């Protein structure tokens, strides 16, 4: 198995990890409420960008790879926030199965 070298000195971007909670809205539905669960530093790299046109408007989507120290509390469906930017976590995996690092593929909409 080929091991990827990850330099933790490149973890210079501060992120806040958020988890969604569904709150009843009083009308039979629910409203999403995001709560901060942790703050940490990681490395972010852009992977791809795409533009879609629909309903008379453009939708910009950018995907990134975020590499961080291993955390047991992170999973798909959560999100990362950096200043005003929001990244939805799509996938989470341990790149070399050593429990040292995690790599998340994230999506940023509307940039």
PDB file of N, CA and C in Angstrom:
ATOM      1  N   UNK A   1       0.846  -1.182   0.000  1.00  0.00           N
ATOM      2  CA  UNK A   1       0.000   0.000   0.000  1.00  0.00           C
ATOM      3  C   UNK A   1       0.890   1.244   0.000  1.00  0.00           C
ATOM      4  N   UNK A   2       0.647   2.126  -0.925  1.00  0.00           N
ATOM      5  CA  UNK A   2       1.404   3.363  -1.024  1.00  0.00           C
ATOM      6  C   UNK A   2       0.928   4.330   0.042  1.00  0.00           C
ATOM      7  N   UNK A   3       1.869   4.879   0.785  1.00  0.00           N
ATOM      8  CA  UNK A   3       1.522   5.814   1.852  1.00  0.00           C
ATOM      9  C   UNK A   3       1.756   7.241   1.375  1.00  0.00           C
ATOM     10  N   UNK A   4       0.805   8.094   1.608  1.00  0.00           N
ATOM     11  CA  UNK A   4       0.921   9.502   1.235  1.00  0.00           C
ATOM     12  C   UNK A   4       1.575  10.252   2.381  1.00  0.00           C
ATOM     13  N   UNK A   5       2.579  11.078   2.064  1.00  0.00           N
ATOM     14  CA  UNK A   5       3.217  11.879   3.101  1.00  0.00           C
ATOM     15  C   UNK A   5       2.343  13.094   3.381  1.00  0.00           C
ATOM     16  N   UNK A   6       1.991  13.254   4.629  1.00  0.00           N
ATOM     17  CA  UNK A   6       1.185  14.395   5.062  1.00  0.00           C
ATOM     18  C   UNK A   6       2.009  15.192   6.051  1.00  0.00           C
ATOM     19  N   UNK A   7       2.237  16.458   5.737  1.00  0.00           N
ATOM     20  CA  UNK A   7       3.013  17.342   6.604  1.00  0.00           C
ATOM     21  C   UNK A   7       2.055  18.119   7.501  1.00  0.00           C
ATOM     22  N   UNK A   8       2.008  17.804   8.815  1.00  0.00           N
ATOM     23  CA  UNK A   8       1.086  18.528   9.699  1.00  0.00           C
ATOM     24  C   UNK A   8       1.417  20.015   9.829  1.00  0.00           C
ATOM     25  N   UNK A   9       2.613  20.430   9.398  1.00  0.00           N
ATOM     26  CA  UNK A   9       2.965  21.844   9.393  1.00  0.00           C
ATOM     27  C   UNK A   9       2.146  22.643   8.391  1.00  0.00           C
ATOM     28  N   UNK A  10       1.492  21.942   7.463  1.00  0.00           N
ATOM     29  CA  UNK A  10       0.642  22.608   6.474  1.00  0.00           C
ATOM     30  C   UNK A  10      -0.779  22.832   6.981  1.00  0.00           C
ATOM     31  N   UNK A  11      -1.078  22.407   8.194  1.00  0.00           N
ATOM     32  CA  UNK A  11      -2.415  22.594   8.771  1.00  0.00           C
ATOM     33  C   UNK A  11      -2.494  24.005   9.339  1.00  0.00           C
ATOM     34  N   UNK A  12      -2.733  24.978   8.445  1.00  0.00           N
ATOM     35  CA  UNK A  12      -2.694  26.393   8.837  1.00  0.00           C
ATOM     36  C   UNK A  12      -4.047  27.091   8.760  1.00  0.00           C
ATOM     37  N   UNK A  13      -5.044  26.409   8.244  1.00  0.00           N
ATOM     38  CA  UNK A  13      -6.359  27.014   8.061  1.00  0.00           C
ATOM     39  C   UNK A  13      -7.260  26.603   9.212  1.00  0.00           C
ATOM     40  N   UNK A  14      -7.812  27.592   9.908  1.00  0.00           N
ATOM     41  CA  UNK A  14      -8.671  27.287  11.059  1.00  0.00           C
ATOM     42  C   UNK A  14     -10.103  27.034  10.599  1.00  0.00           C
ATOM     43  N   UNK A  15     -10.682  25.947  11.114  1.00  0.00           N
ATOM     44  CA  UNK A  15     -12.054  25.566  10.810  1.00  0.00           C
ATOM     45  C   UNK A  15     -12.838  25.382  12.091  1.00  0.00           C
ATOM     46  N   UNK A  16     -14.147  25.555  11.980  1.00  0.00           N
ATOM     47  CA  UNK A  16     -15.080  25.191  13.044  1.00  0.00           C
ATOM     48  C   UNK A  16     -15.918  24.037  12.513  1.00  0.00           C
ATOM     49  N   UNK A  17     -16.037  22.976  13.296  1.00  0.00           N
ATOM     50  CA  UNK A  17     -16.858  21.825  12.944  1.00  0.00           C
ATOM     51  C   UNK A  17     -18.250  22.038  13.507  1.00  0.00           C
ATOM     52  N   UNK A  18     -19.275  21.840  12.677  1.00  0.00           N
ATOM     53  CA  UNK A  18     -20.654  22.035  13.121  1.00  0.00           C
ATOM     54  C   UNK A  18     -21.486  20.787  12.856  1.00  0.00           C
ATOM     55  N   UNK A  19     -22.417  20.522  13.774  1.00  0.00           N
ATOM     56  CA  UNK A  19     -23.351  19.392  13.681  1.00  0.00           C
ATOM     57  C   UNK A  19     -24.765  19.958  13.587  1.00  0.00           C
ATOM     58  N   UNK A  20     -25.595  19.322  12.761  1.00  0.00           N
ATOM     59  CA  UNK A  20     -26.971  19.782  12.576  1.00  0.00           C
ATOM     60  C   UNK A  20     -27.885  19.163  13.628  1.00  0.00           C
ATOM     61  N   UNK A  21     -28.825  19.962  14.101  1.00  0.00           N
ATOM     62  CA  UNK A  21     -29.901  19.490  14.974  1.00  0.00           C
ATOM     63  C   UNK A  21     -31.211  19.900  14.317  1.00  0.00           C
ATOM     64  N   UNK A  22     -32.173  19.004  14.317  1.00  0.00           N
ATOM     65  CA  UNK A  22     -33.479  19.318  13.732  1.00  0.00           C
ATOM     66  C   UNK A  22     -34.415  19.759  14.842  1.00  0.00           C
ATOM     67  N   UNK A  23     -34.938  20.963  14.727  1.00  0.00           N
ATOM     68  CA  UNK A  23     -35.822  21.544  15.730  1.00  0.00           C
ATOM     69  C   UNK A  23     -37.236  21.618  15.154  1.00  0.00           C
ATOM     70  N   UNK A  24     -38.270  21.188  15.907  1.00  0.00           N
ATOM     71  CA  UNK A  24     -39.649  21.297  15.417  1.00  0.00           C
ATOM     72  C   UNK A  24     -40.008  22.763  15.151  1.00  0.00           C
ATOM     73  N   UNK A  25     -40.722  22.992  14.052  1.00  0.00           N
ATOM     74  CA  UNK A  25     -41.093  24.370  13.722  1.00  0.00           C
ATOM     75  C   UNK A  25     -42.520  24.718  14.145  1.00  0.00           C
ATOM     76  N   UNK A  26     -43.209  23.803  14.809  1.00  0.00           N
ATOM     77  CA  UNK A  26     -44.560  24.069  15.280  1.00  0.00           C
ATOM     78  C   UNK A  26     -45.638  23.828  14.244  1.00  0.00           C
ATOM     79  N   UNK A  27     -45.240  23.555  13.013  1.00  0.00           N
ATOM     80  CA  UNK A  27     -46.220  23.318  11.959  1.00  0.00           C
ATOM     81  C   UNK A  27     -46.122  21.916  11.386  1.00  0.00           C
ATOM     82  N   UNK A  28     -45.491  21.020  12.113  1.00  0.00           N
ATOM     83  CA  UNK A  28     -45.346  19.644  11.654  1.00  0.00           C
ATOM     84  C   UNK A  28     -44.053  19.373  10.918  1.00  0.00           C
ATOM     85  N   UNK A  29     -43.278  20.390  10.675  1.00  0.00           N
ATOM     86  CA  UNK A  29     -41.995  20.229   9.991  1.00  0.00           C
ATOM     87  C   UNK A  29     -40.845  20.422  10.957  1.00  0.00           C
ATOM     88  N   UNK A  30     -39.704  20.749  10.410  1.00  0.00           N
ATOM     89  CA  UNK A  30     -38.540  21.001  11.251  1.00  0.00           C
ATOM     90  C   UNK A  30     -37.679  22.098  10.633  1.00  0.00           C
ATOM     91  N   UNK A  31     -36.816  22.631  11.463  1.00  0.00           N
ATOM     92  CA  UNK A  31     -35.881  23.664  11.050  1.00  0.00           C
ATOM     93  C   UNK A  31     -34.489  23.203  11.452  1.00  0.00           C
ATOM     94  N   UNK A  32     -33.507  23.401  10.567  1.00  0.00           N
ATOM     95  CA  UNK A  32     -32.138  23.016  10.877  1.00  0.00           C
ATOM     96  C   UNK A  32     -31.493  24.057  11.776  1.00  0.00           C
ATOM     97  N   UNK A  33     -30.775  23.574  12.775  1.00  0.00           N
ATOM     98  CA  UNK A  33     -30.005  24.438  13.656  1.00  0.00           C
ATOM     99  C   UNK A  33     -28.599  23.852  13.741  1.00  0.00           C
ATOM    100  N   UNK A  34     -27.584  24.655  13.436  1.00  0.00           N
ATOM    101  CA  UNK A  34     -26.203  24.181  13.442  1.00  0.00           C
ATOM    102  C   UNK A  34     -25.515  24.622  14.722  1.00  0.00           C
ATOM    103  N   UNK A  35     -24.842  23.688  15.389  1.00  0.00           N
ATOM    104  CA  UNK A  35     -24.112  23.999  16.622  1.00  0.00           C
ATOM    105  C   UNK A  35     -22.643  23.648  16.444  1.00  0.00           C
ATOM    106  N   UNK A  36     -21.787  24.505  16.974  1.00  0.00           N
ATOM    107  CA  UNK A  36     -20.344  24.272  16.902  1.00  0.00           C
ATOM    108  C   UNK A  36     -19.959  23.161  17.865  1.00  0.00           C
ATOM    109  N   UNK A  37     -19.124  22.232  17.382  1.00  0.00           N
ATOM    110  CA  UNK A  37     -18.677  21.139  18.243  1.00  0.00           C
ATOM    111  C   UNK A  37     -17.179  21.155  18.485  1.00  0.00           C
ATOM    112  N   UNK A  38     -16.403  21.790  17.588  1.00  0.00           N
ATOM    113  CA  UNK A  38     -14.948  21.812  17.755  1.00  0.00           C
ATOM    114  C   UNK A  38     -14.342  22.870  16.849  1.00  0.00           C
ATOM    115  N   UNK A  39     -13.113  23.244  17.156  1.00  0.00           N
ATOM    116  CA  UNK A  39     -12.323  24.134  16.306  1.00  0.00           C
ATOM    117  C   UNK A  39     -10.939  23.511  16.170  1.00  0.00           C
ATOM    118  N   UNK A  40     -10.376  23.577  14.962  1.00  0.00           N
ATOM    119  CA  UNK A  40      -9.068  22.963  14.720  1.00  0.00           C
ATOM    120  C   UNK A  40      -8.460  23.551  13.453  1.00  0.00           C
ATOM    121  N   UNK A  41      -7.193  23.211  13.214  1.00  0.00           N
ATOM    122  CA  UNK A  41      -6.489  23.643  12.015  1.00  0.00           C
ATOM    123  C   UNK A  41      -6.367  22.467  11.051  1.00  0.00           C
ATOM    124  N   UNK A  42      -6.430  22.768   9.748  1.00  0.00           N
ATOM    125  CA  UNK A  42      -6.357  21.740   8.714  1.00  0.00           C
ATOM    126  C   UNK A  42      -5.772  22.351   7.441  1.00  0.00           C
ATOM    127  N   UNK A  43      -5.543  21.501   6.450  1.00  0.00           N
ATOM    128  CA  UNK A  43      -5.087  21.946   5.127  1.00  0.00           C
ATOM    129  C   UNK A  43      -6.255  21.798   4.163  1.00  0.00           C
ATOM    130  N   UNK A  44      -6.472  22.809   3.329  1.00  0.00           N
ATOM    131  CA  UNK A  44      -7.561  22.760   2.343  1.00  0.00           C
ATOM    132  C   UNK A  44      -6.974  22.911   0.947  1.00  0.00           C
ATOM    133  N   UNK A  45      -7.459  22.068   0.020  1.00  0.00           N
ATOM    134  CA  UNK A  45      -7.009  22.101  -1.369  1.00  0.00           C
ATOM    135  C   UNK A  45      -8.228  22.057  -2.287  1.00  0.00           C
ATOM    136  N   UNK A  46      -8.318  22.959  -3.263  1.00  0.00           N
ATOM    137  CA  UNK A  46      -9.419  22.885  -4.222  1.00  0.00           C
ATOM    138  C   UNK A  46      -9.234  21.685  -5.149  1.00  0.00           C
ATOM    139  N   UNK A  47     -10.334  21.015  -5.491  1.00  0.00           N
ATOM    140  CA  UNK A  47     -10.282  19.853  -6.383  1.00  0.00           C
ATOM    141  C   UNK A  47     -10.953  20.163  -7.711  1.00  0.00           C
ATOM    142  N   UNK A  48     -12.184  20.685  -7.659  1.00  0.00           N
ATOM    143  CA  UNK A  48     -12.896  20.960  -8.911  1.00  0.00           C
ATOM    144  C   UNK A  48     -13.896  22.087  -8.707  1.00  0.00           C
ATOM    145  N   UNK A  49     -14.341  22.629  -9.832  1.00  0.00           N
ATOM    146  CA  UNK A  49     -15.367  23.674  -9.810  1.00  0.00           C
ATOM    147  C   UNK A  49     -16.311  23.421 -10.976  1.00  0.00           C
ATOM    148  N   UNK A  50     -17.591  23.706 -10.760  1.00  0.00           N
ATOM    149  CA  UNK A  50     -18.584  23.493 -11.816  1.00  0.00           C
ATOM    150  C   UNK A  50     -19.666  24.559 -11.713  1.00  0.00           C
ATOM    151  N   UNK A  51     -20.216  24.898 -12.869  1.00  0.00           N
ATOM    152  CA  UNK A  51     -21.343  25.830 -12.939  1.00  0.00           C
ATOM    153  C   UNK A  51     -22.512  25.105 -13.577  1.00  0.00           C
ATOM    154  N   UNK A  52     -23.677  25.250 -12.969  1.00  0.00           N
ATOM    155  CA  UNK A  52     -24.897  24.675 -13.531  1.00  0.00           C
ATOM    156  C   UNK A  52     -25.907  25.796 -13.687  1.00  0.00           C
ATOM    157  N   UNK A  53     -26.683  25.691 -14.747  1.00  0.00           N
ATOM    158  CA  UNK A  53     -27.731  26.670 -14.990  1.00  0.00           C
ATOM    159  C   UNK A  53     -29.067  25.971 -14.854  1.00  0.00           C
ATOM    160  N   UNK A  54     -29.952  26.549 -14.049  1.00  0.00           N
ATOM    161  CA  UNK A  54     -31.279  25.979 -13.884  1.00  0.00           C
ATOM    162  C   UNK A  54     -32.189  26.977 -13.209  1.00  0.00           C
ATOM    163  N   UNK A  55     -33.457  26.952 -13.566  1.00  0.00           N
ATOM    164  CA  UNK A  55     -34.455  27.853 -12.989  1.00  0.00           C
ATOM    165  C   UNK A  55     -34.048  29.314 -13.153  1.00  0.00           C
ATOM    166  N   UNK A  56     -33.395  29.603 -14.277  1.00  0.00           N
ATOM    167  CA  UNK A  56     -33.040  30.980 -14.570  1.00  0.00           C
ATOM    168  C   UNK A  56     -31.885  31.537 -13.764  1.00  0.00           C
ATOM    169  N   UNK A  57     -31.079  30.671 -13.153  1.00  0.00           N
ATOM    170  CA  UNK A  57     -29.947  31.169 -12.370  1.00  0.00           C
ATOM    171  C   UNK A  57     -28.769  30.209 -12.458  1.00  0.00           C
ATOM    172  N   UNK A  58     -27.593  30.721 -12.153  1.00  0.00           N
ATOM    173  CA  UNK A  58     -26.375  29.916 -12.141  1.00  0.00           C
ATOM    174  C   UNK A  58     -26.136  29.413 -10.725  1.00  0.00           C
ATOM    175  N   UNK A  59     -25.690  28.164 -10.609  1.00  0.00           N
ATOM    176  CA  UNK A  59     -25.315  27.604  -9.319  1.00  0.00           C
ATOM    177  C   UNK A  59     -23.867  27.155  -9.416  1.00  0.00           C
ATOM    178  N   UNK A  60     -23.032  27.766  -8.624  1.00  0.00           N
ATOM    179  CA  UNK A  60     -21.610  27.439  -8.610  1.00  0.00           C
ATOM    180  C   UNK A  60     -21.343  26.423  -7.507  1.00  0.00           C
ATOM    181  N   UNK A  61     -20.585  25.370  -7.814  1.00  0.00           N
ATOM    182  CA  UNK A  61     -20.221  24.357  -6.838  1.00  0.00           C
ATOM    183  C   UNK A  61     -18.719  24.125  -6.919  1.00  0.00           C
ATOM    184  N   UNK A  62     -18.065  24.147  -5.771  1.00  0.00           N
ATOM    185  CA  UNK A  62     -16.627  23.910  -5.698  1.00  0.00           C
ATOM    186  C   UNK A  62     -16.389  22.789  -4.702  1.00  0.00           C
ATOM    187  N   UNK A  63     -15.563  21.811  -5.084  1.00  0.00           N
ATOM    188  CA  UNK A  63     -15.210  20.748  -4.141  1.00  0.00           C
ATOM    189  C   UNK A  63     -13.762  20.922  -3.705  1.00  0.00           C
ATOM    190  N   UNK A  64     -13.520  20.562  -2.465  1.00  0.00           N
ATOM    191  CA  UNK A  64     -12.191  20.670  -1.869  1.00  0.00           C
ATOM    192  C   UNK A  64     -11.856  19.384  -1.130  1.00  0.00           C
ATOM    193  N   UNK A  65     -10.569  19.227  -0.848  1.00  0.00           N
ATOM    194  CA  UNK A  65     -10.095  18.161   0.024  1.00  0.00           C
ATOM    195  C   UNK A  65      -9.538  18.842   1.272  1.00  0.00           C
ATOM    196  N   UNK A  66     -10.020  18.429   2.450  1.00  0.00           N
ATOM    197  CA  UNK A  66      -9.562  18.987   3.724  1.00  0.00           C
ATOM    198  C   UNK A  66      -8.873  17.863   4.493  1.00  0.00           C
ATOM    199  N   UNK A  67      -7.602  18.082   4.844  1.00  0.00           N
ATOM    200  CA  UNK A  67      -6.816  17.096   5.583  1.00  0.00           C
ATOM    201  C   UNK A  67      -6.577  17.624   6.984  1.00  0.00           C
ATOM    202  N   UNK A  68      -6.807  16.767   7.988  1.00  0.00           N
ATOM    203  CA  UNK A  68      -6.682  17.177   9.393  1.00  0.00           C
ATOM    204  C   UNK A  68      -6.169  16.020  10.227  1.00  0.00           C
ATOM    205  N   UNK A  69      -5.809  16.324  11.472  1.00  0.00           N
ATOM    206  CA  UNK A  69      -5.478  15.249  12.406  1.00  0.00           C
ATOM    207  C   UNK A  69      -6.737  14.439  12.673  1.00  0.00           C
ATOM    208  N   UNK A  70      -6.545  13.160  12.964  1.00  0.00           N
ATOM    209  CA  UNK A  70      -7.680  12.253  13.176  1.00  0.00           C
ATOM    210  C   UNK A  70      -8.568  12.745  14.312  1.00  0.00           C
ATOM    211  N   UNK A  71      -9.871  12.676  14.080  1.00  0.00           N
ATOM    212  CA  UNK A  71     -10.872  13.035  15.092  1.00  0.00           C
ATOM    213  C   UNK A  71     -11.947  11.957  15.070  1.00  0.00           C
ATOM    214  N   UNK A  72     -12.350  11.447  16.227  1.00  0.00           N
ATOM    215  CA  UNK A  72     -13.391  10.417  16.233  1.00  0.00           C
ATOM    216  C   UNK A  72     -14.808  10.978  16.062  1.00  0.00           C
ATOM    217  N   UNK A  73     -14.971  12.295  16.161  1.00  0.00           N
ATOM    218  CA  UNK A  73     -16.314  12.891  16.173  1.00  0.00           C
ATOM    219  C   UNK A  73     -16.746  13.498  14.845  1.00  0.00           C
ATOM    220  N   UNK A  74     -16.064  13.196  13.766  1.00  0.00           N
ATOM    221  CA  UNK A  74     -16.408  13.815  12.487  1.00  0.00           C
ATOM    222  C   UNK A  74     -17.029  12.773  11.555  1.00  0.00           C
ATOM    223  N   UNK A  75     -18.084  13.181  10.830  1.00  0.00           N
ATOM    224  CA  UNK A  75     -18.785  12.249   9.939  1.00  0.00           C
ATOM    225  C   UNK A  75     -19.454  13.019   8.807  1.00  0.00           C
ATOM    226  N   UNK A  76     -19.847  12.298   7.775  1.00  0.00           N
ATOM    227  CA  UNK A  76     -20.579  12.898   6.654  1.00  0.00           C
ATOM    228  C   UNK A  76     -21.866  13.523   7.178  1.00  0.00           C
ATOM    229  N   UNK A  77     -22.274  14.624   6.556  1.00  0.00           N
ATOM    230  CA  UNK A  77     -23.490  15.315   6.986  1.00  0.00           C
ATOM    231  C   UNK A  77     -23.201  16.488   7.906  1.00  0.00           C
ATOM    232  N   UNK A  78     -22.011  16.533   8.469  1.00  0.00           N
ATOM    233  CA  UNK A  78     -21.607  17.690   9.270  1.00  0.00           C
ATOM    234  C   UNK A  78     -21.075  18.742   8.303  1.00  0.00           C
ATOM    235  N   UNK A  79     -20.630  19.875   8.835  1.00  0.00           N
ATOM    236  CA  UNK A  79     -20.042  20.876   7.962  1.00  0.00           C
ATOM    237  C   UNK A  79     -18.879  21.563   8.655  1.00  0.00           C
ATOM    238  N   UNK A  80     -18.011  22.134   7.822  1.00  0.00           N
ATOM    239  CA  UNK A  80     -16.876  22.918   8.288  1.00  0.00           C
ATOM    240  C   UNK A  80     -17.126  24.367   7.904  1.00  0.00           C
ATOM    241  N   UNK A  81     -16.768  25.281   8.803  1.00  0.00           N
ATOM    242  CA  UNK A  81     -16.949  26.706   8.545  1.00  0.00           C
ATOM    243  C   UNK A  81     -15.605  27.392   8.697  1.00  0.00           C
ATOM    244  N   UNK A  82     -15.273  28.209   7.711  1.00  0.00           N
ATOM    245  CA  UNK A  82     -14.066  29.034   7.751  1.00  0.00           C
ATOM    246  C   UNK A  82     -14.495  30.458   7.430  1.00  0.00           C
ATOM    247  N   UNK A  83     -14.448  31.317   8.441  1.00  0.00           N
ATOM    248  CA  UNK A  83     -14.936  32.683   8.319  1.00  0.00           C
ATOM    249  C   UNK A  83     -16.374  32.651   7.813  1.00  0.00           C
ATOM    250  N   UNK A  84     -16.660  33.180   6.626  1.00  0.00           N
ATOM    251  CA  UNK A  84     -18.027  33.192   6.094  1.00  0.00           C
ATOM    252  C   UNK A  84     -18.297  32.034   5.140  1.00  0.00           C
ATOM    253  N   UNK A  85     -17.294  31.199   4.902  1.00  0.00           N
ATOM    254  CA  UNK A  85     -17.434  30.096   3.948  1.00  0.00           C
ATOM    255  C   UNK A  85     -17.918  28.834   4.657  1.00  0.00           C
ATOM    256  N   UNK A  86     -18.828  28.103   4.002  1.00  0.00           N
ATOM    257  CA  UNK A  86     -19.407  26.883   4.574  1.00  0.00           C
ATOM    258  C   UNK A  86     -19.120  25.717   3.633  1.00  0.00           C
ATOM    259  N   UNK A  87     -18.580  24.633   4.195  1.00  0.00           N
ATOM    260  CA  UNK A  87     -18.222  23.437   3.437  1.00  0.00           C
ATOM    261  C   UNK A  87     -19.004  22.249   3.988  1.00  0.00           C
ATOM    262  N   UNK A  88     -19.854  21.637   3.169  1.00  0.00           N
ATOM    263  CA  UNK A  88     -20.598  20.440   3.567  1.00  0.00           C
ATOM    264  C   UNK A  88     -19.686  19.225   3.422  1.00  0.00           C
ATOM    265  N   UNK A  89     -19.599  18.397   4.459  1.00  0.00           N
ATOM    266  CA  UNK A  89     -18.741  17.213   4.427  1.00  0.00           C
ATOM    267  C   UNK A  89     -19.472  16.097   3.688  1.00  0.00           C
ATOM    268  N   UNK A  90     -18.870  15.636   2.589  1.00  0.00           N
ATOM    269  CA  UNK A  90     -19.453  14.572   1.775  1.00  0.00           C
ATOM    270  C   UNK A  90     -18.909  13.201   2.168  1.00  0.00           C
ATOM    271  N   UNK A  91     -17.588  13.091   2.301  1.00  0.00           N
ATOM    272  CA  UNK A  91     -16.959  11.822   2.674  1.00  0.00           C
ATOM    273  C   UNK A  91     -15.853  12.071   3.683  1.00  0.00           C
ATOM    274  N   UNK A  92     -15.577  11.052   4.494  1.00  0.00           N
ATOM    275  CA  UNK A  92     -14.504  11.101   5.493  1.00  0.00           C
ATOM    276  C   UNK A  92     -13.758   9.777   5.406  1.00  0.00           C
ATOM    277  N   UNK A  93     -12.432   9.834   5.292  1.00  0.00           N
ATOM    278  CA  UNK A  93     -11.670   8.583   5.306  1.00  0.00           C
ATOM    279  C   UNK A  93     -10.274   8.787   5.876  1.00  0.00           C
ATOM    280  N   UNK A  94      -9.703   7.703   6.366  1.00  0.00           N
ATOM    281  CA  UNK A  94      -8.337   7.655   6.885  1.00  0.00           C
ATOM    282  C   UNK A  94      -7.448   7.253   5.709  1.00  0.00           C
ATOM    283  N   UNK A  95      -6.570   8.143   5.216  1.00  0.00           N
ATOM    284  CA  UNK A  95      -5.851   7.864   3.970  1.00  0.00           C
ATOM    285  C   UNK A  95      -4.902   6.670   4.030  1.00  0.00           C
ATOM    286  N   UNK A  96      -4.350   6.349   5.191  1.00  0.00           N
ATOM    287  CA  UNK A  96      -3.425   5.213   5.270  1.00  0.00           C
ATOM    288  C   UNK A  96      -3.784   4.221   6.380  1.00  0.00           C
ATOM    289  N   UNK A  97      -4.981   4.355   6.939  1.00  0.00           N
ATOM    290  CA  UNK A  97      -5.499   3.435   7.964  1.00  0.00           C
ATOM    291  C   UNK A  97      -4.599   3.338   9.193  1.00  0.00           C
ATOM    292  N   UNK A  98      -3.956   4.458   9.552  1.00  0.00           N
ATOM    293  CA  UNK A  98      -3.100   4.465  10.743  1.00  0.00           C
ATOM    294  C   UNK A  98      -3.736   5.197  11.912  1.00  0.00           C
ATOM    295  N   UNK A  99      -4.851   5.893  11.672  1.00  0.00           N
ATOM    296  CA  UNK A  99      -5.495   6.647  12.739  1.00  0.00           C
ATOM    297  C   UNK A  99      -4.801   7.957  13.060  1.00  0.00           C
ATOM    298  N   UNK A 100      -3.929   8.422  12.156  1.00  0.00           N
ATOM    299  CA  UNK A 100      -3.230   9.690  12.394  1.00  0.00           C
ATOM    300  C   UNK A 100      -3.947  10.876  11.767  1.00  0.00           C
ATOM    301  N   UNK A 101      -4.491  10.681  10.558  1.00  0.00           N
ATOM    302  CA  UNK A 101      -5.092  11.782   9.813  1.00  0.00           C
ATOM    303  C   UNK A 101      -6.444  11.372   9.244  1.00  0.00           C
ATOM    304  N   UNK A 102      -7.235  12.383   8.892  1.00  0.00           N
ATOM    305  CA  UNK A 102      -8.485  12.190   8.164  1.00  0.00           C
ATOM    306  C   UNK A 102      -8.465  13.094   6.942  1.00  0.00           C
ATOM    307  N   UNK A 103      -9.047  12.615   5.863  1.00  0.00           N
ATOM    308  CA  UNK A 103      -9.225  13.413   4.660  1.00  0.00           C
ATOM    309  C   UNK A 103     -10.725  13.487   4.395  1.00  0.00           C
ATOM    310  N   UNK A 104     -11.230  14.706   4.286  1.00  0.00           N
ATOM    311  CA  UNK A 104     -12.652  14.929   4.008  1.00  0.00           C
ATOM    312  C   UNK A 104     -12.791  15.539   2.624  1.00  0.00           C
ATOM    313  N   UNK A 105     -13.722  15.018   1.864  1.00  0.00           N
ATOM    314  CA  UNK A 105     -14.094  15.670   0.614  1.00  0.00           C
ATOM    315  C   UNK A 105     -15.297  16.531   0.950  1.00  0.00           C
ATOM    316  N   UNK A 106     -15.210  17.822   0.639  1.00  0.00           N
ATOM    317  CA  UNK A 106     -16.250  18.772   1.020  1.00  0.00           C
ATOM    318  C   UNK A 106     -16.750  19.521  -0.212  1.00  0.00           C
ATOM    319  N   UNK A 107     -17.961  20.077  -0.101  1.00  0.00           N
ATOM    320  CA  UNK A 107     -18.561  20.854  -1.186  1.00  0.00           C
ATOM    321  C   UNK A 107     -18.926  22.234  -0.657  1.00  0.00           C
ATOM    322  N   UNK A 108     -18.569  23.231  -1.433  1.00  0.00           N
ATOM    323  CA  UNK A 108     -18.931  24.616  -1.118  1.00  0.00           C
ATOM    324  C   UNK A 108     -19.849  25.107  -2.226  1.00  0.00           C
ATOM    325  N   UNK A 109     -21.054  25.499  -1.887  1.00  0.00           N
ATOM    326  CA  UNK A 109     -22.016  25.976  -2.881  1.00  0.00           C
ATOM    327  C   UNK A 109     -22.032  27.497  -2.917  1.00  0.00           C
ATOM    328  N   UNK A 110     -22.279  28.037  -4.115  1.00  0.00           N
ATOM    329  CA  UNK A 110     -22.527  29.464  -4.253  1.00  0.00           C
ATOM    330  C   UNK A 110     -21.327  30.363  -4.208  1.00  0.00           C
ATOM    331  N   UNK A 111     -20.156  29.869  -4.474  1.00  0.00           N
ATOM    332  CA  UNK A 111     -18.962  30.719  -4.488  1.00  0.00           C
ATOM    333  C   UNK A 111     -18.784  31.353  -5.821  1.00  0.00           C
TER     334      UNK A 111
END
